[in-house]
C-alpha atoms as a PDB file:
ATOM      1  CA  MET A   1     155.827-144.178  50.951  1.00  0.00           C
ATOM      2  CA  GLY A   2     155.211-147.328  52.753  1.00  0.00           C
ATOM      3  CA  PRO A   3     158.923-149.453  54.035  1.00  0.00           C
ATOM      4  CA  PHE A   4     159.015-152.877  51.784  1.00  0.00           C
ATOM      5  CA  TRP A   5     159.829-153.740  55.171  1.00  0.00           C
ATOM      6  CA  ASN A   6     158.946-153.496  57.860  1.00  0.00           C
ATOM      7  CA  ILE A   7     162.371-150.740  59.541  1.00  0.00           C
ATOM      8  CA  PRO A   8     162.405-149.479  62.691  1.00  0.00           C
ATOM      9  CA  SER A   9     161.239-146.203  63.432  1.00  0.00           C
ATOM     10  CA  PHE A  10     163.806-144.262  64.206  1.00  0.00           C
ATOM     11  CA  PHE A  11     165.329-144.621  60.422  1.00  0.00           C
ATOM     12  CA  ASP A  12     162.716-142.284  59.174  1.00  0.00           C
ATOM     13  CA  PRO A  13     164.851-139.118  59.330  1.00  0.00           C
ATOM     14  CA  LEU A  14     167.004-140.668  56.313  1.00  0.00           C
ATOM     15  CA  VAL A  15     164.789-142.083  54.918  1.00  0.00           C
ATOM     16  CA  ASN A  16     163.071-138.026  54.637  1.00  0.00           C
ATOM     17  CA  HIS A  17     166.824-136.622  53.993  1.00  0.00           C
ATOM     18  CA  CYS A  18     166.608-138.786  50.836  1.00  0.00           C
ATOM     19  CA  ALA A  19     163.596-137.424  49.893  1.00  0.00           C
ATOM     20  CA  SER A  20     164.495-134.590  50.274  1.00  0.00           C
ATOM     21  CA  HIS A  21     167.519-134.840  48.226  1.00  0.00           C
ATOM     22  CA  TYR A  22     165.731-136.081  45.015  1.00  0.00           C
ATOM     23  CA  PRO A  23     162.647-134.058  44.478  1.00  0.00           C
ATOM     24  CA  PRO A  24     160.581-134.836  41.684  1.00  0.00           C
ATOM     25  CA  LEU A  25     162.226-133.583  38.409  1.00  0.00           C
ATOM     26  CA  PRO A  26     159.015-132.612  35.471  1.00  0.00           C
ATOM     27  CA  ARG A  27     158.196-135.579  33.429  1.00  0.00           C
ATOM     28  CA  CYS A  28     160.505-138.022  35.912  1.00  0.00           C
ATOM     29  CA  ARG A  29     159.117-140.872  37.956  1.00  0.00           C
ATOM     30  CA  VAL A  30     161.807-141.321  40.688  1.00  0.00           C
ATOM     31  CA  LEU A  31     161.825-144.193  43.229  1.00  0.00           C
ATOM     32  CA  ILE A  32     163.495-144.632  46.135  1.00  0.00           C
ATOM     33  CA  TYR A  33     164.835-148.640  46.619  1.00  0.00           C
ATOM     34  CA  ARG A  34     165.435-148.837  50.439  1.00  0.00           C
ATOM     35  CA  SER A  35     167.444-151.237  51.644  1.00  0.00           C
ATOM     36  CA  LEU A  36     168.964-153.311  54.326  1.00  0.00           C
ATOM     37  CA  ILE A  37     171.795-154.852  54.962  1.00  0.00           C
ATOM     38  CA  TRP A  38     172.233-157.882  58.082  1.00  0.00           C
ATOM     39  CA  HIS A  39     174.815-159.442  59.395  1.00  0.00           C
ATOM     40  CA  ASN A  40     175.340-161.390  62.314  1.00  0.00           C
ATOM     41  CA  THR A  41     173.187-159.909  63.407  1.00  0.00           C
ATOM     42  CA  SER A  42     173.673-157.148  63.258  1.00  0.00           C
ATOM     43  CA  LEU A  43     172.662-153.166  61.125  1.00  0.00           C
ATOM     44  CA  LEU A  44     175.718-152.663  58.609  1.00  0.00           C
ATOM     45  CA  CYS A  45     174.188-149.719  56.835  1.00  0.00           C
ATOM     46  CA  TRP A  46     170.870-148.125  54.686  1.00  0.00           C
ATOM     47  CA  GLN A  47     170.892-147.609  51.342  1.00  0.00           C
ATOM     48  CA  ALA A  48     168.798-145.207  49.669  1.00  0.00           C
ATOM     49  CA  ARG A  49     169.014-145.616  45.728  1.00  0.00           C
ATOM     50  CA  VAL A  50     167.229-143.434  43.456  1.00  0.00           C
ATOM     51  CA  LYS A  51     166.178-144.539  39.482  1.00  0.00           C
ATOM     52  CA  HIS A  52     165.196-141.761  37.900  1.00  0.00           C
ATOM     53  CA  LEU A  53     163.364-143.343  34.397  1.00  0.00           C
ATOM     54  CA  MET A  54     162.030-141.146  31.874  1.00  0.00           C
ATOM     55  CA  THR A  55     158.320-140.561  30.719  1.00  0.00           C
ATOM     56  CA  LEU A  56     158.468-140.089  26.611  1.00  0.00           C
ATOM     57  CA  ILE A  57     157.609-137.226  25.912  1.00  0.00           C
ATOM     58  CA  ILE A  58     155.874-137.875  22.313  1.00  0.00           C
ATOM     59  CA  LYS A  59     155.974-134.743  19.988  1.00  0.00           C
ATOM     60  CA  ARG A  60     153.774-134.667  16.727  1.00  0.00           C
ATOM     61  CA  MET A  61     154.681-132.710  13.320  1.00  0.00           C
ATOM     62  CA  HIS A  62     152.558-133.732  11.473  1.00  0.00           C
ATOM     63  CA  PRO A  63     148.617-133.018  11.704  1.00  0.00           C
ATOM     64  CA  HIS A  64     147.401-136.359  10.919  1.00  0.00           C
ATOM     65  CA  PHE A  65     150.772-137.696  11.298  1.00  0.00           C
ATOM     66  CA  PHE A  66     154.644-138.543  13.163  1.00  0.00           C
ATOM     67  CA  ALA A  67     155.216-137.720  16.023  1.00  0.00           C
ATOM     68  CA  GLU A  68     159.212-136.816  17.653  1.00  0.00           C
ATOM     69  CA  VAL A  69     159.691-139.012  21.155  1.00  0.00           C
ATOM     70  CA  SER A  70     162.529-138.256  23.365  1.00  0.00           C
ATOM     71  CA  GLY A  71     163.443-140.157  26.335  1.00  0.00           C
ATOM     72  CA  VAL A  72     164.314-143.394  25.671  1.00  0.00           C
ATOM     73  CA  ASP A  73     167.260-145.074  24.931  1.00  0.00           C
ATOM     74  CA  LEU A  74     166.468-147.864  22.070  1.00  0.00           C
ATOM     75  CA  ALA A  75     171.124-149.218  22.607  1.00  0.00           C
ATOM     76  CA  THR A  76     169.800-150.030  26.305  1.00  0.00           C
ATOM     77  CA  SER A  77     166.944-152.503  27.823  1.00  0.00           C
ATOM     78  CA  PHE A  78     164.982-150.432  29.024  1.00  0.00           C
ATOM     79  CA  GLY A  79     162.137-151.862  30.874  1.00  0.00           C
ATOM     80  CA  SER A  80     157.645-152.835  29.559  1.00  0.00           C
ATOM     81  CA  ASP A  81     156.806-149.994  30.312  1.00  0.00           C
ATOM     82  CA  ILE A  82     158.317-147.373  27.951  1.00  0.00           C
ATOM     83  CA  LEU A  83     157.925-150.603  25.257  1.00  0.00           C
ATOM     84  CA  THR A  84     154.237-150.527  26.238  1.00  0.00           C
ATOM     85  CA  GLU A  85     154.324-145.826  26.186  1.00  0.00           C
ATOM     86  CA  VAL A  86     155.932-146.101  22.981  1.00  0.00           C
ATOM     87  CA  VAL A  87     154.166-149.339  20.280  1.00  0.00           C
ATOM     88  CA  ASN A  88     151.264-147.085  21.866  1.00  0.00           C
ATOM     89  CA  ALA A  89     152.066-143.963  20.527  1.00  0.00           C
ATOM     90  CA  PHE A  90     153.653-146.179  16.783  1.00  0.00           C
ATOM     91  CA  ALA A  91     149.637-147.182  16.354  1.00  0.00           C
ATOM     92  CA  GLU A  92     148.568-143.572  17.162  1.00  0.00           C
ATOM     93  CA  HIS A  93     151.165-141.928  14.327  1.00  0.00           C
ATOM     94  CA  SER A  94     152.233-144.788  11.760  1.00  0.00           C
ATOM     95  CA  VAL A  95     156.105-143.121  11.770  1.00  0.00           C
ATOM     96  CA  LEU A  96     158.494-141.967  14.857  1.00  0.00           C
ATOM     97  CA  LEU A  97     161.692-140.229  14.683  1.00  0.00           C
ATOM     98  CA  PHE A  98     164.712-141.465  17.761  1.00  0.00           C
ATOM     99  CA  ARG A  99     166.982-138.470  17.738  1.00  0.00           C
ATOM    100  CA  ASN A 100     171.026-138.605  19.068  1.00  0.00           C
ATOM    101  CA  GLN A 101     170.408-143.269  19.222  1.00  0.00           C
ATOM    102  CA  PHE A 102     173.944-143.564  19.399  1.00  0.00           C
ATOM    103  CA  LEU A 103     173.406-148.057  17.823  1.00  0.00           C
ATOM    104  CA  ASP A 104     174.730-150.454  15.861  1.00  0.00           C
ATOM    105  CA  ASP A 105     174.022-153.008  13.934  1.00  0.00           C
ATOM    106  CA  GLU A 106     173.064-155.700  16.874  1.00  0.00           C
ATOM    107  CA  SER A 107     171.321-152.477  19.210  1.00  0.00           C
ATOM    108  CA  GLN A 108     168.942-152.129  16.296  1.00  0.00           C
ATOM    109  CA  ILE A 109     168.583-155.390  16.070  1.00  0.00           C
ATOM    110  CA  ALA A 110     167.100-156.409  19.567  1.00  0.00           C
ATOM    111  CA  PHE A 111     165.255-153.141  19.746  1.00  0.00           C
ATOM    112  CA  SER A 112     163.317-154.091  16.190  1.00  0.00           C
ATOM    113  CA  GLU A 113     163.205-157.456  18.155  1.00  0.00           C
ATOM    114  CA  ARG A 114     160.967-156.391  20.924  1.00  0.00           C
ATOM    115  CA  ILE A 115     158.342-155.211  18.279  1.00  0.00           C
ATOM    116  CA  GLY A 116     158.507-158.081  16.834  1.00  0.00           C
ATOM    117  CA  PRO A 117     160.372-160.826  14.694  1.00  0.00           C
ATOM    118  CA  LEU A 118     162.244-159.578  11.986  1.00  0.00           C
ATOM    119  CA  GLU A 119     162.112-159.991   7.939  1.00  0.00           C
ATOM    120  CA  LYS A 120     165.416-161.347   6.087  1.00  0.00           C
ATOM    121  CA  ASN A 121     167.071-159.826   3.641  1.00  0.00           C
ATOM    122  CA  ILE A 122     165.957-160.611  -0.274  1.00  0.00           C
ATOM    123  CA  THR A 123     169.788-160.416  -1.445  1.00  0.00           C
ATOM    124  CA  ALA A 124     173.599-161.108   0.066  1.00  0.00           C
ATOM    125  CA  THR A 125     174.792-158.496  -2.979  1.00  0.00           C
ATOM    126  CA  PHE A 126     175.799-154.968  -0.155  1.00  0.00           C
ATOM    127  CA  GLY A 127     177.511-156.773   2.087  1.00  0.00           C
ATOM    128  CA  ASN A 128     174.666-156.576   4.991  1.00  0.00           C
ATOM    129  CA  SER A 129     176.919-157.674   8.848  1.00  0.00           C
ATOM    130  CA  ARG A 130     173.628-159.617   9.787  1.00  0.00           C
ATOM    131  CA  PRO A 131     170.772-161.165   7.361  1.00  0.00           C
ATOM    132  CA  GLU A 132     168.130-158.923   9.644  1.00  0.00           C
ATOM    133  CA  ILE A 133     170.589-156.217   8.620  1.00  0.00           C
ATOM    134  CA  SER A 134     169.703-154.537   4.700  1.00  0.00           C
ATOM    135  CA  LYS A 135     172.016-151.446   4.419  1.00  0.00           C
ATOM    136  CA  ILE A 136     170.603-149.596   1.786  1.00  0.00           C
ATOM    137  CA  SER A 137     173.581-147.309   1.050  1.00  0.00           C
ATOM    138  CA  ASN A 138     175.550-145.309  -2.467  1.00  0.00           C
ATOM    139  CA  VAL A 139     178.768-147.167  -0.796  1.00  0.00           C
ATOM    140  CA  ASP A 140     180.143-150.304  -1.360  1.00  0.00           C
ATOM    141  CA  VAL A 141     181.421-153.767  -0.102  1.00  0.00           C
ATOM    142  CA  ASP A 142     184.334-151.833  -0.104  1.00  0.00           C
ATOM    143  CA  GLY A 143     183.767-148.481   1.090  1.00  0.00           C
ATOM    144  CA  LYS A 144     183.539-146.310  -1.722  1.00  0.00           C
ATOM    145  CA  VAL A 145     180.548-144.660  -3.573  1.00  0.00           C
ATOM    146  CA  LEU A 146     178.576-146.857  -6.316  1.00  0.00           C
ATOM    147  CA  LYS A 147     179.432-145.481 -10.339  1.00  0.00           C
ATOM    148  CA  LYS A 148     176.338-143.638 -11.762  1.00  0.00           C
ATOM    149  CA  GLY A 149     174.624-145.919 -13.595  1.00  0.00           C
ATOM    150  CA  SER A 150     175.766-148.848 -12.066  1.00  0.00           C
ATOM    151  CA  ASP A 151     173.548-152.067 -11.661  1.00  0.00           C
ATOM    152  CA  ASP A 152     172.932-151.900  -7.731  1.00  0.00           C
ATOM    153  CA  GLU A 153     173.004-147.571  -8.263  1.00  0.00           C
ATOM    154  CA  ILE A 154     170.133-147.956 -10.416  1.00  0.00           C
ATOM    155  CA  PHE A 155     169.057-150.734  -8.034  1.00  0.00           C
ATOM    156  CA  LEU A 156     168.586-148.744  -4.732  1.00  0.00           C
ATOM    157  CA  LYS A 157     166.523-145.472  -7.005  1.00  0.00           C
ATOM    158  CA  GLY A 158     164.057-147.578  -6.362  1.00  0.00           C
ATOM    159  CA  ASN A 159     163.479-146.311  -3.309  1.00  0.00           C
ATOM    160  CA  SER A 160     163.052-142.813  -4.374  1.00  0.00           C
ATOM    161  CA  VAL A 161     159.034-144.089  -5.823  1.00  0.00           C
ATOM    162  CA  TRP A 162     156.921-144.345  -3.392  1.00  0.00           C
ATOM    163  CA  HIS A 163     156.737-147.190  -2.185  1.00  0.00           C
ATOM    164  CA  THR A 164     155.324-149.719   0.889  1.00  0.00           C
ATOM    165  CA  ASP A 165     158.175-152.490   2.022  1.00  0.00           C
ATOM    166  CA  SER A 166     157.923-155.720   1.520  1.00  0.00           C
ATOM    167  CA  SER A 167     154.404-155.633  -0.395  1.00  0.00           C
ATOM    168  CA  PHE A 168     156.065-158.405  -3.217  1.00  0.00           C
ATOM    169  CA  LYS A 169     155.857-160.917  -0.441  1.00  0.00           C
ATOM    170  CA  VAL A 170     152.810-162.834   0.540  1.00  0.00           C
ATOM    171  CA  VAL A 171     153.664-161.762   3.641  1.00  0.00           C
ATOM    172  CA  PRO A 172     153.878-158.234   3.726  1.00  0.00           C
ATOM    173  CA  ALA A 173     155.968-156.085   6.079  1.00  0.00           C
ATOM    174  CA  LEU A 174     154.737-155.142   9.608  1.00  0.00           C
ATOM    175  CA  GLY A 175     157.269-152.322  10.388  1.00  0.00           C
ATOM    176  CA  SER A 176     160.348-150.748   9.449  1.00  0.00           C
ATOM    177  CA  ALA A 177     163.438-149.510  11.558  1.00  0.00           C
ATOM    178  CA  LEU A 178     166.296-146.775   9.597  1.00  0.00           C
ATOM    179  CA  SER A 179     168.685-145.334  11.105  1.00  0.00           C
ATOM    180  CA  ALA A 180     171.074-142.275   9.608  1.00  0.00           C
ATOM    181  CA  ARG A 181     174.870-143.930   9.901  1.00  0.00           C
ATOM    182  CA  GLU A 182     176.059-141.464   7.692  1.00  0.00           C
ATOM    183  CA  VAL A 183     174.315-138.602   5.314  1.00  0.00           C
ATOM    184  CA  PRO A 184     174.559-136.049   2.766  1.00  0.00           C
ATOM    185  CA  PRO A 185     174.912-133.132   3.816  1.00  0.00           C
ATOM    186  CA  VAL A 186     172.311-131.485   1.435  1.00  0.00           C
ATOM    187  CA  GLY A 187     168.860-133.237   0.099  1.00  0.00           C
ATOM    188  CA  GLY A 188     168.405-137.190   1.035  1.00  0.00           C
ATOM    189  CA  GLU A 189     165.789-136.526   3.271  1.00  0.00           C
ATOM    190  CA  THR A 190     162.761-139.027   2.962  1.00  0.00           C
ATOM    191  CA  GLU A 191     159.028-138.311   2.683  1.00  0.00           C
ATOM    192  CA  PHE A 192     156.204-139.993   4.448  1.00  0.00           C
ATOM    193  CA  ALA A 193     151.971-140.517   3.353  1.00  0.00           C
ATOM    194  CA  ASP A 194     150.163-141.312   5.387  1.00  0.00           C
ATOM    195  CA  MET A 195     148.053-143.628   4.054  1.00  0.00           C
ATOM    196  CA  ARG A 196     144.913-143.493   6.211  1.00  0.00           C
ATOM    197  CA  ALA A 197     144.045-139.305   6.264  1.00  0.00           C
ATOM    198  CA  ALA A 198     144.374-139.682   2.542  1.00  0.00           C
ATOM    199  CA  TYR A 199     142.034-142.822   2.311  1.00  0.00           C
ATOM    200  CA  ASP A 200     139.665-140.778   4.373  1.00  0.00           C
ATOM    201  CA  ALA A 201     139.998-137.920   1.176  1.00  0.00           C
ATOM    202  CA  LEU A 202     138.392-139.486  -0.495  1.00  0.00           C
ATOM    203  CA  ASP A 203     135.512-139.284  -1.167  1.00  0.00           C
ATOM    204  CA  ASP A 204     132.196-142.179  -0.701  1.00  0.00           C
ATOM    205  CA  GLY A 205     132.368-143.091  -5.282  1.00  0.00           C
ATOM    206  CA  LYS A 206     136.043-144.288  -4.038  1.00  0.00           C
ATOM    207  CA  LYS A 207     136.034-146.032  -1.498  1.00  0.00           C
ATOM    208  CA  GLN A 208     132.904-147.812  -2.626  1.00  0.00           C
ATOM    209  CA  LEU A 209     134.864-148.729  -6.017  1.00  0.00           C
ATOM    210  CA  ILE A 210     138.421-149.727  -3.638  1.00  0.00           C
ATOM    211  CA  GLN A 211     136.760-151.736  -1.102  1.00  0.00           C
ATOM    212  CA  ASP A 212     136.684-154.978  -2.517  1.00  0.00           C
ATOM    213  CA  LEU A 213     139.498-154.899  -5.116  1.00  0.00           C
ATOM    214  CA  THR A 214     142.536-156.471  -5.110  1.00  0.00           C
ATOM    215  CA  SER A 215     145.829-155.782  -6.558  1.00  0.00           C
ATOM    216  CA  VAL A 216     149.062-157.581  -7.211  1.00  0.00           C
ATOM    217  CA  HIS A 217     152.230-157.004  -6.096  1.00  0.00           C
ATOM    218  CA  SER A 218     155.413-158.201  -7.638  1.00  0.00           C
ATOM    219  CA  PHE A 219     159.161-157.606  -7.720  1.00  0.00           C
ATOM    220  CA  ILE A 220     159.878-158.103 -11.036  1.00  0.00           C
ATOM    221  CA  TYR A 221     157.380-155.299 -12.155  1.00  0.00           C
ATOM    222  CA  SER A 222     158.841-152.065 -10.199  1.00  0.00           C
ATOM    223  CA  GLN A 223     162.440-153.400 -11.170  1.00  0.00           C
ATOM    224  CA  ARG A 224     161.640-153.442 -14.558  1.00  0.00           C
ATOM    225  CA  GLN A 225     160.204-149.605 -14.219  1.00  0.00           C
ATOM    226  CA  MET A 226     163.539-148.700 -13.771  1.00  0.00           C
ATOM    227  CA  ASN A 227     165.675-149.840 -16.674  1.00  0.00           C
ATOM    228  CA  SER A 228     163.754-147.521 -19.279  1.00  0.00           C
ATOM    229  CA  ASP A 229     166.989-147.849 -20.998  1.00  0.00           C
ATOM    230  CA  GLY A 230     168.144-150.253 -20.754  1.00  0.00           C
ATOM    231  CA  ARG A 231     170.859-150.760 -19.191  1.00  0.00           C
ATOM    232  CA  TYR A 232     169.884-151.985 -16.143  1.00  0.00           C
ATOM    233  CA  ASN A 233     170.601-156.173 -15.279  1.00  0.00           C
ATOM    234  CA  LEU A 234     169.068-157.514 -13.132  1.00  0.00           C
ATOM    235  CA  THR A 235     170.522-160.429 -12.299  1.00  0.00           C
ATOM    236  CA  ALA A 236     173.901-159.140 -11.934  1.00  0.00           C
ATOM    237  CA  VAL A 237     172.244-157.169  -8.003  1.00  0.00           C
ATOM    238  CA  MET A 238     169.941-160.450  -7.336  1.00  0.00           C
ATOM    239  CA  SER A 239     170.640-164.236  -8.453  1.00  0.00           C
ATOM    240  CA  ASP A 240     167.880-165.853 -10.226  1.00  0.00           C
ATOM    241  CA  GLU A 241     167.040-167.887  -7.006  1.00  0.00           C
ATOM    242  CA  GLU A 242     166.809-164.919  -5.222  1.00  0.00           C
ATOM    243  CA  LEU A 243     164.119-164.303  -7.936  1.00  0.00           C
ATOM    244  CA  GLU A 244     162.522-167.131  -7.808  1.00  0.00           C
ATOM    245  CA  ALA A 245     162.102-166.500  -4.562  1.00  0.00           C
ATOM    246  CA  LEU A 246     159.592-163.500  -4.490  1.00  0.00           C
ATOM    247  CA  PRO A 247     156.494-165.004  -6.996  1.00  0.00           C
ATOM    248  CA  PRO A 248     154.161-161.928  -7.758  1.00  0.00           C
ATOM    249  CA  VAL A 249     150.971-161.663  -4.940  1.00  0.00           C
ATOM    250  CA  GLN A 250     147.757-160.369  -4.177  1.00  0.00           C
ATOM    251  CA  HIS A 251     146.529-157.891  -1.051  1.00  0.00           C
ATOM    252  CA  PRO A 252     143.404-155.698  -0.522  1.00  0.00           C
ATOM    253  CA  MET A 253     143.686-152.451  -2.171  1.00  0.00           C
ATOM    254  CA  ILE A 254     142.379-151.323   1.220  1.00  0.00           C
ATOM    255  CA  ARG A 255     143.714-152.525   4.712  1.00  0.00           C
ATOM    256  CA  VAL A 256     142.988-151.756   7.959  1.00  0.00           C
ATOM    257  CA  HIS A 257     145.220-151.193  11.665  1.00  0.00           C
ATOM    258  CA  PRO A 258     144.142-154.145  13.735  1.00  0.00           C
ATOM    259  CA  GLU A 259     144.202-152.126  17.136  1.00  0.00           C
ATOM    260  CA  SER A 260     142.936-148.818  15.378  1.00  0.00           C
ATOM    261  CA  GLY A 261     140.505-150.295  13.201  1.00  0.00           C
ATOM    262  CA  ARG A 262     141.380-147.563  10.523  1.00  0.00           C
ATOM    263  CA  LYS A 263     141.703-147.490   6.640  1.00  0.00           C
ATOM    264  CA  ALA A 264     144.592-147.074   4.723  1.00  0.00           C
ATOM    265  CA  ILE A 265     144.648-147.624   1.043  1.00  0.00           C
ATOM    266  CA  TYR A 266     147.422-149.742  -0.156  1.00  0.00           C
ATOM    267  CA  VAL A 267     149.135-149.588  -2.919  1.00  0.00           C
ATOM    268  CA  GLY A 268     152.859-148.527  -4.389  1.00  0.00           C
ATOM    269  CA  ARG A 269     155.380-149.143  -7.472  1.00  0.00           C
ATOM    270  CA  HIS A 270     154.741-152.624  -6.510  1.00  0.00           C
ATOM    271  CA  ALA A 271     151.541-152.833  -7.216  1.00  0.00           C
ATOM    272  CA  SER A 272     151.414-153.725 -10.587  1.00  0.00           C
ATOM    273  CA  HIS A 273     147.671-153.800 -11.594  1.00  0.00           C
ATOM    274  CA  ILE A 274     144.862-155.237 -10.843  1.00  0.00           C
ATOM    275  CA  VAL A 275     142.651-158.238 -10.372  1.00  0.00           C
ATOM    276  CA  GLY A 276     139.523-158.174 -12.048  1.00  0.00           C
ATOM    277  CA  LEU A 277     140.379-155.681 -14.159  1.00  0.00           C
ATOM    278  CA  PRO A 278     142.033-154.532 -17.322  1.00  0.00           C
ATOM    279  CA  ILE A 279     145.411-153.975 -16.641  1.00  0.00           C
ATOM    280  CA  GLU A 280     145.845-150.697 -18.320  1.00  0.00           C
ATOM    281  CA  GLU A 281     143.037-149.942 -16.295  1.00  0.00           C
ATOM    282  CA  GLY A 282     144.797-151.486 -13.761  1.00  0.00           C
ATOM    283  CA  ARG A 283     147.339-149.626 -13.346  1.00  0.00           C
ATOM    284  CA  ALA A 284     145.467-146.030 -14.503  1.00  0.00           C
ATOM    285  CA  LEU A 285     143.464-146.903 -11.140  1.00  0.00           C
ATOM    286  CA  ILE A 286     146.893-147.659  -9.212  1.00  0.00           C
ATOM    287  CA  LYS A 287     149.124-143.894 -10.331  1.00  0.00           C
ATOM    288  CA  GLU A 288     145.585-141.791  -8.818  1.00  0.00           C
ATOM    289  CA  LEU A 289     145.503-143.988  -5.957  1.00  0.00           C
ATOM    290  CA  ASN A 290     149.014-143.267  -5.558  1.00  0.00           C
ATOM    291  CA  GLU A 291     149.204-139.534  -6.917  1.00  0.00           C
ATOM    292  CA  PHE A 292     146.018-138.554  -4.575  1.00  0.00           C
ATOM    293  CA  ALA A 293     147.781-139.955  -1.053  1.00  0.00           C
ATOM    294  CA  THR A 294     150.926-138.073  -2.014  1.00  0.00           C
ATOM    295  CA  GLN A 295     149.503-134.524  -2.173  1.00  0.00           C
ATOM    296  CA  PRO A 296     151.377-132.080   0.413  1.00  0.00           C
ATOM    297  CA  GLU A 297     148.359-132.247   2.883  1.00  0.00           C
ATOM    298  CA  PHE A 298     149.163-136.030   4.027  1.00  0.00           C
ATOM    299  CA  VAL A 299     153.366-135.972   3.636  1.00  0.00           C
ATOM    300  CA  TYR A 300     156.213-135.016   6.002  1.00  0.00           C
ATOM    301  CA  ARG A 301     159.031-135.054   4.649  1.00  0.00           C
ATOM    302  CA  HIS A 302     161.732-135.140   6.845  1.00  0.00           C
ATOM    303  CA  HIS A 303     165.609-133.985   7.502  1.00  0.00           C
ATOM    304  CA  TRP A 304     167.872-137.165   8.258  1.00  0.00           C
ATOM    305  CA  ARG A 305     170.215-135.919  11.362  1.00  0.00           C
ATOM    306  CA  THR A 306     173.469-138.742  11.785  1.00  0.00           C
ATOM    307  CA  ASN A 307     171.907-140.605  15.471  1.00  0.00           C
ATOM    308  CA  ASP A 308     168.749-140.765  13.553  1.00  0.00           C
ATOM    309  CA  LEU A 309     166.434-144.291  13.920  1.00  0.00           C
ATOM    310  CA  VAL A 310     163.096-143.520  12.134  1.00  0.00           C
ATOM    311  CA  MET A 311     160.321-146.297  13.098  1.00  0.00           C
ATOM    312  CA  TRP A 312     157.499-146.324  10.315  1.00  0.00           C
ATOM    313  CA  ASP A 313     154.051-148.791   9.864  1.00  0.00           C
ATOM    314  CA  ASN A 314     154.022-150.107   6.581  1.00  0.00           C
ATOM    315  CA  ARG A 315     150.676-150.857   6.475  1.00  0.00           C
ATOM    316  CA  MET A 316     149.897-147.175   6.820  1.00  0.00           C
ATOM    317  CA  VAL A 317     152.383-144.879   5.241  1.00  0.00           C
ATOM    318  CA  MET A 318     154.116-145.097   1.558  1.00  0.00           C
ATOM    319  CA  HIS A 319     157.386-143.791   2.044  1.00  0.00           C
ATOM    320  CA  ARG A 320     160.079-142.313  -0.565  1.00  0.00           C
ATOM    321  CA  GLY A 321     163.848-141.676  -1.135  1.00  0.00           C
ATOM    322  CA  LEU A 322     164.528-137.987  -2.252  1.00  0.00           C
ATOM    323  CA  ALA A 323     167.164-137.381  -4.603  1.00  0.00           C
ATOM    324  CA  TYR A 324     171.202-135.996  -3.894  1.00  0.00           C
ATOM    325  CA  ASP A 325     174.351-134.987  -4.709  1.00  0.00           C
ATOM    326  CA  THR A 326     175.870-138.738  -5.426  1.00  0.00           C
ATOM    327  CA  LYS A 327     180.271-137.916  -4.127  1.00  0.00           C
ATOM    328  CA  TYR A 328     178.581-137.906  -0.426  1.00  0.00           C
ATOM    329  CA  LYS A 329     178.218-140.640   1.913  1.00  0.00           C
ATOM    330  CA  ARG A 330     174.190-142.100   2.575  1.00  0.00           C
ATOM    331  CA  VAL A 331     174.496-145.144   5.189  1.00  0.00           C
ATOM    332  CA  MET A 332     170.891-146.380   6.548  1.00  0.00           C
ATOM    333  CA  HIS A 333     171.018-149.669   7.981  1.00  0.00           C
ATOM    334  CA  ARG A 334     166.743-151.234   7.926  1.00  0.00           C
ATOM    335  CA  THR A 335     165.232-154.136   9.809  1.00  0.00           C
ATOM    336  CA  THR A 336     162.038-154.631   8.882  1.00  0.00           C
ATOM    337  CA  VAL A 337     159.516-156.012  11.577  1.00  0.00           C
ATOM    338  CA  ALA A 338     157.670-159.007   9.594  1.00  0.00           C
ATOM    339  CA  GLY A 339     154.228-159.183   9.377  1.00  0.00           C
ATOM    340  CA  HIS A 340     151.342-161.630   9.871  1.00  0.00           C
ATOM    341  CA  ALA A 341     151.036-164.703   8.185  1.00  0.00           C
ATOM    342  CA  GLU A 342     147.199-164.349   7.888  1.00  0.00           C
ATOM    343  CA  ASN A 343     147.056-161.541   6.331  1.00  0.00           C
ATOM    344  CA  ASN A 344     147.775-163.181   2.505  1.00  0.00           C
ATOM    345  CA  PRO A 345     146.832-166.383   2.346  1.00  0.00           C
ATOM    346  CA  TRP A 346     147.616-167.149  -0.933  1.00  0.00           C
ATOM    347  CA  VAL A 347     150.148-166.249  -3.834  1.00  0.00           C
ATOM    348  CA  VAL A 348     150.005-165.752  -8.038  1.00  0.00           C
ATOM    349  CA  ARG A 349     151.792-167.921  -9.932  1.00  0.00           C
ATOM    350  CA  LYS A 350     151.943-165.669 -13.115  1.00  0.00           C
ATOM    351  CA  GLN A 351     154.718-163.512 -15.123  1.00  0.00           C
ATOM    352  CA  VAL A 352     153.120-160.163 -14.656  1.00  0.00           C
ATOM    353  CA  ALA A 353     152.627-158.243 -17.957  1.00  0.00           C
END
């Protein structure tokens, strides 16, 4: 290893001593920093500092997607080389799990912003600490468990239906990062479906059928599906202004990953109908694709631990939350990485049936 400065050769034994006392560790890079401090032309000291930079360990948890990543503390300002590894793993696996991440809202936002600009909340109802944080929880602003059957509780139940975040927006979300702050002892898992693998498994006829189809995604439509008994009042949760900011939009039924080029089916609970098809025919096709894509071979179920952080690619996967005993608290904080405006240049300004 060459010196950083022109160091006299009589320091070589000290350099060798440092190297022998800091041998390379498995999957680590060891960097020895040398510095000379001179004062009044006299050598005062020689410092050798060793810094261990963990290389990420990436373990795939499913044959198609979902990987656990270790070797990084997301609460720190880790280097750009590690960030590049995270981004590359995200592109390959679509869902990444990071265990034992002791994040507060500020550090979660800081990490997420390194992936890309963040979306703001669609509603101010749930007492989020920042507009970039979505609190997905059965706990109200006073720390009490939501009353069963309340409008707030029904609103959150929408997360139990297969969906992709923000597909009801003109520019749908790129990715989401969900941090587990408090989890129930049983239940409350999140399932993910690999829409790339599902697309690959479609027969050629079905691929050809949906190749150029466009579906209409609507937040109002998906929320109406939660009101089977007529008791749910969405306007008790969101203001008229907040709802008016979310008109129906159109998205292609196949999305293409910009880096890998892989195709994925793009549907989910916000997809109301298909442009150019009769309403019921389009909804039948959406239902068929949703059911096909969520077969067990395409799905991974994540069992949450406190301080887990999971980030996923909304362009390539769907997800849903599973049921749990609501006497227990479940507190999750989500940041959402915004998509790119060129993905959808138009908005459909009409009421969805």
